[in-house]
Amino acid sequence: MKKITYQLATEVNHGTQEEPDIETVLSDVVIVCLDSRLEGNLTLAKAEAYQGEVSVEDAGPDPASSGDLEQRMTAVETGKADKTEVQDVWDQMAAAYQEGVQNA
């Protein structure tokens, strides 16, 4: 992984259209990306960077693949099951609340 850092310049007018009082504000920007995405992100950073100054550092190895397709599908389906269980609890709470409101 790579870490791209640069400063973004933004001009702010504290005056009026007729009498501008322009201030340049510099903001720090950090982009952390996979090595395979470096070229595109570096192009963006150079285009945005104040005076074109960009720094690139190594941010460690790219994360390992999260497993084969079957393992990822199982994880997604497990997540859906968990979401259904959570929705059931919310539905029960909403029904209990509605019952309490009607009895008040």
N, C-alpha and C. Protein backbone atom coordinates (compact mmCIF):
# COMPACT_ATOMS: atom_id res chain seq x y z
N MET A 1 0.84 -1.17 0.00
CA MET A 1 0.00 0.00 0.00
C MET A 1 0.89 1.24 0.00
N LYS A 2 0.32 2.31 -0.52
CA LYS A 2 1.04 3.58 -0.58
C LYS A 2 0.23 4.67 0.10
N LYS A 3 0.93 5.65 0.63
CA LYS A 3 0.30 6.81 1.25
C LYS A 3 0.75 8.04 0.50
N ILE A 4 -0.20 8.73 -0.09
CA ILE A 4 0.08 9.96 -0.84
C ILE A 4 -0.36 11.14 0.03
N THR A 5 0.53 12.09 0.23
CA THR A 5 0.18 13.29 1.01
C THR A 5 0.48 14.53 0.20
N TYR A 6 -0.37 15.54 0.37
CA TYR A 6 -0.17 16.82 -0.30
C TYR A 6 -1.04 17.87 0.37
N GLN A 7 -0.89 19.11 -0.07
CA GLN A 7 -1.72 20.19 0.44
C GLN A 7 -2.64 20.70 -0.66
N LEU A 8 -3.88 20.91 -0.30
CA LEU A 8 -4.89 21.42 -1.21
C LEU A 8 -5.12 22.89 -0.88
N ALA A 9 -5.03 23.75 -1.87
CA ALA A 9 -5.23 25.19 -1.65
C ALA A 9 -6.66 25.57 -2.02
N THR A 10 -7.30 26.29 -1.11
CA THR A 10 -8.65 26.80 -1.34
C THR A 10 -8.62 28.30 -1.08
N GLU A 11 -9.18 29.06 -2.01
CA GLU A 11 -9.23 30.50 -1.83
C GLU A 11 -10.58 30.90 -1.25
N VAL A 12 -10.54 31.72 -0.19
CA VAL A 12 -11.74 32.19 0.49
C VAL A 12 -11.76 33.70 0.40
N ASN A 13 -12.89 34.27 -0.04
CA ASN A 13 -13.04 35.72 -0.14
C ASN A 13 -13.74 36.22 1.11
N HIS A 14 -13.01 36.95 1.95
CA HIS A 14 -13.59 37.53 3.16
C HIS A 14 -14.15 38.92 2.90
N GLY A 15 -13.97 39.40 1.69
CA GLY A 15 -14.44 40.73 1.33
C GLY A 15 -15.72 40.66 0.52
N THR A 16 -15.82 41.54 -0.44
CA THR A 16 -16.98 41.58 -1.32
C THR A 16 -16.51 41.38 -2.75
N GLN A 17 -17.49 41.33 -3.66
CA GLN A 17 -17.17 41.18 -5.09
C GLN A 17 -16.37 42.39 -5.56
N GLU A 18 -16.78 43.58 -5.08
CA GLU A 18 -16.13 44.82 -5.49
C GLU A 18 -14.77 45.01 -4.82
N GLU A 19 -14.66 44.62 -3.56
CA GLU A 19 -13.41 44.75 -2.81
C GLU A 19 -13.05 43.40 -2.20
N PRO A 20 -12.46 42.52 -2.98
CA PRO A 20 -12.14 41.19 -2.47
C PRO A 20 -11.01 41.21 -1.45
N ASP A 21 -11.12 40.33 -0.48
CA ASP A 21 -10.08 40.10 0.52
C ASP A 21 -9.83 38.60 0.51
N ILE A 22 -8.94 38.16 -0.37
CA ILE A 22 -8.73 36.73 -0.62
C ILE A 22 -7.71 36.15 0.35
N GLU A 23 -8.08 35.02 0.95
CA GLU A 23 -7.17 34.26 1.81
C GLU A 23 -7.01 32.88 1.19
N THR A 24 -5.79 32.40 1.10
CA THR A 24 -5.53 31.04 0.62
C THR A 24 -5.38 30.14 1.83
N VAL A 25 -6.25 29.12 1.91
CA VAL A 25 -6.24 28.18 3.02
C VAL A 25 -5.66 26.86 2.51
N LEU A 26 -4.65 26.35 3.20
CA LEU A 26 -4.03 25.07 2.83
C LEU A 26 -4.56 23.97 3.75
N SER A 27 -5.03 22.89 3.15
CA SER A 27 -5.54 21.75 3.90
C SER A 27 -4.71 20.52 3.56
N ASP A 28 -4.37 19.76 4.58
CA ASP A 28 -3.61 18.52 4.38
C ASP A 28 -4.54 17.44 3.83
N VAL A 29 -4.07 16.71 2.84
CA VAL A 29 -4.83 15.61 2.24
C VAL A 29 -3.95 14.36 2.29
N VAL A 30 -4.56 13.23 2.66
CA VAL A 30 -3.86 11.95 2.69
C VAL A 30 -4.72 10.93 1.94
N ILE A 31 -4.12 10.25 0.99
CA ILE A 31 -4.78 9.17 0.27
C ILE A 31 -3.96 7.91 0.52
N VAL A 32 -4.61 6.88 1.07
CA VAL A 32 -3.96 5.58 1.24
C VAL A 32 -4.60 4.64 0.22
N CYS A 33 -3.78 4.02 -0.61
CA CYS A 33 -4.33 3.19 -1.69
C CYS A 33 -3.48 1.94 -1.91
N LEU A 34 -4.08 1.00 -2.60
CA LEU A 34 -3.36 -0.20 -3.00
C LEU A 34 -2.29 0.18 -4.01
N ASP A 35 -1.23 -0.60 -4.07
CA ASP A 35 -0.16 -0.34 -5.04
C ASP A 35 -0.72 -0.31 -6.47
N SER A 36 -1.70 -1.16 -6.74
CA SER A 36 -2.28 -1.22 -8.09
C SER A 36 -3.07 0.03 -8.44
N ARG A 37 -3.45 0.84 -7.46
CA ARG A 37 -4.22 2.06 -7.70
C ARG A 37 -3.36 3.32 -7.60
N LEU A 38 -2.07 3.15 -7.42
CA LEU A 38 -1.18 4.29 -7.20
C LEU A 38 -1.19 5.26 -8.37
N GLU A 39 -1.07 4.77 -9.57
CA GLU A 39 -0.94 5.65 -10.74
C GLU A 39 -2.14 6.61 -10.86
N GLY A 40 -3.35 6.09 -10.77
CA GLY A 40 -4.54 6.94 -10.88
C GLY A 40 -4.65 7.94 -9.75
N ASN A 41 -4.38 7.49 -8.52
CA ASN A 41 -4.45 8.39 -7.37
C ASN A 41 -3.34 9.44 -7.40
N LEU A 42 -2.19 9.07 -7.90
CA LEU A 42 -1.08 10.01 -8.01
C LEU A 42 -1.39 11.09 -9.04
N THR A 43 -2.03 10.72 -10.13
CA THR A 43 -2.44 11.69 -11.14
C THR A 43 -3.41 12.70 -10.53
N LEU A 44 -4.39 12.21 -9.77
CA LEU A 44 -5.35 13.09 -9.09
C LEU A 44 -4.64 14.00 -8.10
N ALA A 45 -3.76 13.44 -7.29
CA ALA A 45 -3.05 14.21 -6.28
C ALA A 45 -2.22 15.33 -6.90
N LYS A 46 -1.51 15.01 -7.97
CA LYS A 46 -0.69 16.03 -8.63
C LYS A 46 -1.54 17.15 -9.21
N ALA A 47 -2.73 16.81 -9.69
CA ALA A 47 -3.63 17.82 -10.25
C ALA A 47 -4.18 18.74 -9.16
N GLU A 48 -4.42 18.21 -7.97
CA GLU A 48 -5.00 18.99 -6.88
C GLU A 48 -3.96 19.68 -6.00
N ALA A 49 -2.75 19.18 -5.96
CA ALA A 49 -1.75 19.62 -4.99
C ALA A 49 -1.32 21.07 -5.21
N TYR A 50 -1.17 21.77 -4.10
CA TYR A 50 -0.68 23.15 -4.12
C TYR A 50 0.74 23.13 -4.67
N GLN A 51 0.97 23.88 -5.73
CA GLN A 51 2.25 23.97 -6.42
C GLN A 51 2.77 22.60 -6.89
N GLY A 52 1.86 21.62 -7.04
CA GLY A 52 2.22 20.31 -7.57
C GLY A 52 3.08 19.45 -6.67
N GLU A 53 3.21 19.84 -5.39
CA GLU A 53 4.07 19.10 -4.47
C GLU A 53 3.32 17.93 -3.84
N VAL A 54 3.81 16.70 -4.13
CA VAL A 54 3.19 15.47 -3.65
C VAL A 54 4.25 14.58 -3.04
N SER A 55 3.90 13.89 -1.97
CA SER A 55 4.81 12.96 -1.32
C SER A 55 4.19 11.56 -1.33
N VAL A 56 4.98 10.55 -1.66
CA VAL A 56 4.50 9.17 -1.67
C VAL A 56 5.36 8.35 -0.71
N GLU A 57 4.70 7.63 0.20
CA GLU A 57 5.41 6.79 1.16
C GLU A 57 4.82 5.39 1.12
N ASP A 58 5.62 4.42 1.53
CA ASP A 58 5.14 3.05 1.64
C ASP A 58 4.29 2.96 2.91
N ALA A 59 3.09 2.38 2.80
CA ALA A 59 2.20 2.24 3.95
C ALA A 59 2.01 0.78 4.33
N GLY A 60 2.96 -0.06 3.96
CA GLY A 60 2.87 -1.47 4.29
C GLY A 60 2.39 -2.29 3.12
N PRO A 61 2.30 -3.59 3.32
CA PRO A 61 1.89 -4.47 2.22
C PRO A 61 0.39 -4.33 1.93
N ASP A 62 0.02 -4.61 0.69
CA ASP A 62 -1.40 -4.64 0.34
C ASP A 62 -2.07 -5.73 1.16
N PRO A 63 -3.33 -5.54 1.55
CA PRO A 63 -4.02 -6.59 2.32
C PRO A 63 -4.18 -7.85 1.49
N ALA A 64 -4.15 -8.97 2.17
CA ALA A 64 -4.31 -10.25 1.48
C ALA A 64 -5.74 -10.40 1.00
N SER A 65 -5.92 -11.21 -0.02
CA SER A 65 -7.26 -11.50 -0.53
C SER A 65 -8.09 -12.11 0.59
N SER A 66 -9.37 -11.79 0.60
CA SER A 66 -10.24 -12.27 1.68
C SER A 66 -10.73 -13.69 1.47
N GLY A 67 -10.08 -14.45 0.64
CA GLY A 67 -10.45 -15.85 0.45
C GLY A 67 -11.07 -16.09 -0.91
N ASP A 68 -11.37 -17.35 -1.16
CA ASP A 68 -11.93 -17.67 -2.47
C ASP A 68 -13.40 -17.27 -2.54
N LEU A 69 -13.97 -17.37 -3.71
CA LEU A 69 -15.32 -16.90 -3.96
C LEU A 69 -16.34 -17.60 -3.07
N GLU A 70 -16.20 -18.89 -2.89
CA GLU A 70 -17.17 -19.64 -2.07
C GLU A 70 -17.16 -19.15 -0.63
N GLN A 71 -15.97 -18.89 -0.07
CA GLN A 71 -15.88 -18.38 1.30
C GLN A 71 -16.52 -17.00 1.41
N ARG A 72 -16.29 -16.15 0.41
CA ARG A 72 -16.88 -14.80 0.45
C ARG A 72 -18.39 -14.86 0.32
N MET A 73 -18.90 -15.77 -0.53
CA MET A 73 -20.35 -15.92 -0.68
C MET A 73 -20.98 -16.37 0.64
N THR A 74 -20.33 -17.31 1.32
CA THR A 74 -20.84 -17.78 2.60
C THR A 74 -20.87 -16.64 3.61
N ALA A 75 -19.83 -15.82 3.63
CA ALA A 75 -19.78 -14.69 4.55
C ALA A 75 -20.90 -13.69 4.26
N VAL A 76 -21.16 -13.44 2.99
CA VAL A 76 -22.23 -12.52 2.62
C VAL A 76 -23.58 -13.08 3.05
N GLU A 77 -23.81 -14.36 2.78
CA GLU A 77 -25.09 -14.96 3.16
C GLU A 77 -25.25 -14.99 4.67
N THR A 78 -24.19 -15.22 5.41
CA THR A 78 -24.25 -15.18 6.87
C THR A 78 -24.61 -13.77 7.33
N GLY A 79 -24.03 -12.78 6.68
CA GLY A 79 -24.35 -11.40 7.02
C GLY A 79 -25.81 -11.10 6.77
N LYS A 80 -26.39 -11.64 5.68
CA LYS A 80 -27.81 -11.44 5.41
C LYS A 80 -28.65 -12.07 6.49
N ALA A 81 -28.27 -13.27 6.93
CA ALA A 81 -29.02 -13.94 7.99
C ALA A 81 -28.98 -13.11 9.26
N ASP A 82 -27.81 -12.58 9.59
CA ASP A 82 -27.68 -11.75 10.78
C ASP A 82 -28.55 -10.50 10.66
N LYS A 83 -28.60 -9.91 9.47
CA LYS A 83 -29.40 -8.71 9.26
C LYS A 83 -30.88 -9.03 9.46
N THR A 84 -31.33 -10.21 9.00
CA THR A 84 -32.72 -10.62 9.18
C THR A 84 -33.05 -10.74 10.65
N GLU A 85 -32.14 -11.34 11.43
CA GLU A 85 -32.36 -11.48 12.86
C GLU A 85 -32.47 -10.12 13.53
N VAL A 86 -31.62 -9.20 13.15
CA VAL A 86 -31.65 -7.86 13.72
C VAL A 86 -32.96 -7.17 13.36
N GLN A 87 -33.40 -7.33 12.11
CA GLN A 87 -34.66 -6.72 11.68
C GLN A 87 -35.83 -7.28 12.48
N ASP A 88 -35.81 -8.58 12.78
CA ASP A 88 -36.86 -9.19 13.58
C ASP A 88 -36.93 -8.54 14.97
N VAL A 89 -35.79 -8.30 15.58
CA VAL A 89 -35.75 -7.66 16.89
C VAL A 89 -36.33 -6.25 16.80
N TRP A 90 -35.93 -5.49 15.77
CA TRP A 90 -36.46 -4.13 15.59
C TRP A 90 -37.97 -4.17 15.40
N ASP A 91 -38.46 -5.13 14.62
CA ASP A 91 -39.90 -5.25 14.39
C ASP A 91 -40.63 -5.54 15.70
N GLN A 92 -40.07 -6.40 16.53
CA GLN A 92 -40.68 -6.71 17.82
C GLN A 92 -40.69 -5.49 18.73
N MET A 93 -39.59 -4.73 18.72
CA MET A 93 -39.53 -3.52 19.55
C MET A 93 -40.55 -2.48 19.07
N ALA A 94 -40.68 -2.33 17.76
CA ALA A 94 -41.63 -1.37 17.20
C ALA A 94 -43.06 -1.77 17.56
N ALA A 95 -43.37 -3.07 17.50
CA ALA A 95 -44.71 -3.54 17.85
C ALA A 95 -45.00 -3.30 19.33
N ALA A 96 -44.02 -3.59 20.19
CA ALA A 96 -44.19 -3.36 21.63
C ALA A 96 -44.39 -1.87 21.91
N TYR A 97 -43.64 -1.02 21.24
CA TYR A 97 -43.78 0.43 21.43
C TYR A 97 -45.17 0.87 20.98
N GLN A 98 -45.60 0.40 19.81
CA GLN A 98 -46.91 0.78 19.28
C GLN A 98 -48.02 0.33 20.24
N GLU A 99 -47.88 -0.88 20.80
CA GLU A 99 -48.86 -1.38 21.75
C GLU A 99 -48.91 -0.49 22.99
N GLY A 100 -47.72 -0.07 23.46
CA GLY A 100 -47.67 0.82 24.61
C GLY A 100 -48.30 2.17 24.33
N VAL A 101 -48.11 2.68 23.12
CA VAL A 101 -48.70 3.98 22.75
C VAL A 101 -50.22 3.86 22.70
N GLN A 102 -50.73 2.76 22.16
CA GLN A 102 -52.17 2.58 22.04
C GLN A 102 -52.82 2.40 23.41
N ASN A 103 -52.10 1.83 24.38
CA ASN A 103 -52.65 1.60 25.72
C ASN A 103 -52.57 2.83 26.59
N ALA A 104 -51.85 3.84 26.19
CA ALA A 104 -51.67 5.04 27.02
C ALA A 104 -52.87 5.95 26.96
